[in-house]
N, C-alpha and C. Protein backbone atom coordinates (compact mmCIF):
# COMPACT_ATOMS: atom_id res chain seq x y z
N UNK A 1 -42.96 -120.18 11.06
CA UNK A 1 -43.13 -118.81 10.65
C UNK A 1 -43.74 -118.04 11.82
N UNK A 2 -43.10 -116.94 12.18
CA UNK A 2 -43.60 -116.07 13.25
C UNK A 2 -44.10 -114.77 12.64
N UNK A 3 -45.32 -114.36 13.02
CA UNK A 3 -45.90 -113.12 12.50
C UNK A 3 -46.01 -112.11 13.63
N UNK A 4 -45.43 -110.94 13.42
CA UNK A 4 -45.52 -109.84 14.37
C UNK A 4 -46.80 -109.08 14.07
N UNK A 5 -47.75 -109.10 14.98
CA UNK A 5 -49.05 -108.47 14.74
C UNK A 5 -48.98 -106.94 14.78
N UNK A 6 -47.92 -106.36 15.36
CA UNK A 6 -47.80 -104.90 15.41
C UNK A 6 -47.55 -104.30 14.03
N UNK A 7 -46.61 -104.88 13.29
CA UNK A 7 -46.31 -104.32 11.97
C UNK A 7 -46.54 -105.32 10.83
N UNK A 8 -47.14 -106.47 11.15
CA UNK A 8 -47.51 -107.49 10.17
C UNK A 8 -46.32 -107.99 9.35
N UNK A 9 -45.16 -108.13 10.00
CA UNK A 9 -44.01 -108.74 9.34
C UNK A 9 -43.90 -110.18 9.81
N UNK A 10 -43.25 -111.00 9.00
CA UNK A 10 -43.06 -112.39 9.40
C UNK A 10 -41.60 -112.77 9.24
N UNK A 11 -41.18 -113.74 10.01
CA UNK A 11 -39.83 -114.27 9.90
C UNK A 11 -39.92 -115.78 9.77
N UNK A 12 -39.05 -116.31 8.94
CA UNK A 12 -39.05 -117.73 8.65
C UNK A 12 -37.83 -118.39 9.29
N UNK A 13 -37.99 -119.62 9.71
CA UNK A 13 -36.87 -120.35 10.29
C UNK A 13 -35.82 -120.68 9.23
N UNK A 14 -36.26 -121.09 8.06
CA UNK A 14 -35.35 -121.44 6.96
C UNK A 14 -35.83 -120.73 5.70
N UNK A 15 -35.27 -119.55 5.39
CA UNK A 15 -35.77 -118.76 4.27
C UNK A 15 -35.32 -119.23 2.89
N UNK A 16 -34.58 -120.32 2.80
CA UNK A 16 -34.12 -120.78 1.50
C UNK A 16 -34.85 -122.03 1.07
N UNK A 17 -34.75 -122.31 -0.18
CA UNK A 17 -35.34 -123.50 -0.77
C UNK A 17 -34.49 -124.70 -0.35
N UNK A 18 -35.08 -125.78 0.17
CA UNK A 18 -34.28 -126.92 0.62
C UNK A 18 -33.50 -127.60 -0.51
N UNK A 19 -33.86 -127.33 -1.75
CA UNK A 19 -33.13 -127.92 -2.88
C UNK A 19 -31.91 -127.10 -3.26
N UNK A 20 -31.74 -125.94 -2.64
CA UNK A 20 -30.63 -125.05 -2.94
C UNK A 20 -29.59 -125.17 -1.83
N UNK A 21 -28.31 -125.26 -2.21
CA UNK A 21 -27.25 -125.32 -1.21
C UNK A 21 -27.20 -123.98 -0.47
N UNK A 22 -26.83 -124.04 0.80
CA UNK A 22 -26.80 -122.84 1.63
C UNK A 22 -25.95 -121.73 1.00
N UNK A 23 -24.79 -122.07 0.44
CA UNK A 23 -23.93 -121.05 -0.16
C UNK A 23 -24.56 -120.41 -1.39
N UNK A 24 -25.50 -121.10 -2.05
CA UNK A 24 -26.16 -120.58 -3.24
C UNK A 24 -27.48 -119.88 -2.93
N UNK A 25 -27.87 -119.85 -1.66
CA UNK A 25 -29.16 -119.29 -1.28
C UNK A 25 -29.32 -117.81 -1.65
N UNK A 26 -28.32 -116.93 -1.40
CA UNK A 26 -28.52 -115.52 -1.78
C UNK A 26 -28.79 -115.34 -3.28
N UNK A 27 -28.07 -116.08 -4.13
CA UNK A 27 -28.30 -115.98 -5.57
C UNK A 27 -29.67 -116.52 -5.94
N UNK A 28 -30.07 -117.62 -5.31
CA UNK A 28 -31.38 -118.20 -5.58
C UNK A 28 -32.49 -117.25 -5.16
N UNK A 29 -32.33 -116.62 -4.00
CA UNK A 29 -33.34 -115.67 -3.53
C UNK A 29 -33.40 -114.44 -4.44
N UNK A 30 -32.24 -113.98 -4.92
CA UNK A 30 -32.22 -112.84 -5.84
C UNK A 30 -32.94 -113.18 -7.14
N UNK A 31 -32.71 -114.39 -7.63
CA UNK A 31 -33.38 -114.82 -8.85
C UNK A 31 -34.89 -114.91 -8.64
N UNK A 32 -35.31 -115.42 -7.50
CA UNK A 32 -36.75 -115.51 -7.20
C UNK A 32 -37.37 -114.13 -7.08
N UNK A 33 -36.63 -113.18 -6.49
CA UNK A 33 -37.14 -111.82 -6.37
C UNK A 33 -37.30 -111.20 -7.76
N UNK A 34 -36.35 -111.49 -8.65
CA UNK A 34 -36.40 -110.95 -10.00
C UNK A 34 -37.63 -111.45 -10.76
N UNK A 35 -38.00 -112.72 -10.54
CA UNK A 35 -39.18 -113.25 -11.24
C UNK A 35 -40.44 -113.13 -10.39
N UNK A 36 -40.32 -112.35 -9.30
CA UNK A 36 -41.45 -111.99 -8.43
C UNK A 36 -42.09 -113.19 -7.73
N UNK A 37 -41.26 -114.10 -7.23
CA UNK A 37 -41.75 -115.24 -6.48
C UNK A 37 -41.73 -114.95 -4.98
N UNK A 38 -40.82 -114.08 -4.54
CA UNK A 38 -40.71 -113.74 -3.12
C UNK A 38 -41.81 -112.75 -2.75
N UNK A 39 -42.65 -113.09 -1.78
CA UNK A 39 -43.76 -112.21 -1.41
C UNK A 39 -43.32 -110.85 -0.86
N UNK A 40 -42.19 -110.79 -0.16
CA UNK A 40 -41.79 -109.52 0.46
C UNK A 40 -41.37 -108.49 -0.58
N UNK A 41 -40.79 -108.93 -1.70
CA UNK A 41 -40.39 -108.05 -2.82
C UNK A 41 -39.46 -106.93 -2.36
N UNK A 42 -38.55 -107.23 -1.44
CA UNK A 42 -37.58 -106.25 -0.98
C UNK A 42 -36.18 -106.77 -1.26
N UNK A 43 -35.49 -106.14 -2.18
CA UNK A 43 -34.13 -106.58 -2.53
C UNK A 43 -33.19 -106.43 -1.33
N UNK A 44 -33.38 -105.40 -0.51
CA UNK A 44 -32.51 -105.21 0.65
C UNK A 44 -32.65 -106.37 1.63
N UNK A 45 -33.85 -106.95 1.70
CA UNK A 45 -34.09 -108.10 2.57
C UNK A 45 -33.21 -109.28 2.16
N UNK A 46 -33.04 -109.49 0.88
CA UNK A 46 -32.23 -110.60 0.38
C UNK A 46 -30.77 -110.43 0.78
N UNK A 47 -30.26 -109.22 0.69
CA UNK A 47 -28.86 -108.98 0.99
C UNK A 47 -28.56 -109.04 2.49
N UNK A 48 -29.57 -108.91 3.33
CA UNK A 48 -29.33 -108.89 4.78
C UNK A 48 -29.66 -110.21 5.47
N UNK A 49 -29.98 -111.24 4.72
CA UNK A 49 -30.30 -112.53 5.35
C UNK A 49 -29.06 -113.11 6.02
N UNK A 50 -29.23 -113.63 7.20
CA UNK A 50 -28.16 -114.31 7.93
C UNK A 50 -28.37 -115.80 7.75
N UNK A 51 -27.51 -116.45 6.99
CA UNK A 51 -27.66 -117.87 6.70
C UNK A 51 -26.68 -118.70 7.52
N UNK A 52 -26.72 -118.53 8.82
CA UNK A 52 -25.81 -119.28 9.68
C UNK A 52 -26.56 -120.27 10.52
């Protein structure tokens, strides 16, 4: 995890749950955001993740 001290944002190397298949990660992240498990709480963040 890298934290940018200028704007206090962080980026993760692997933003998905290791128990979730890569192709299912966007749906899993959306579900976690809905139940308020994702700390960032930004729906746009989920749609812009690059899972390559």
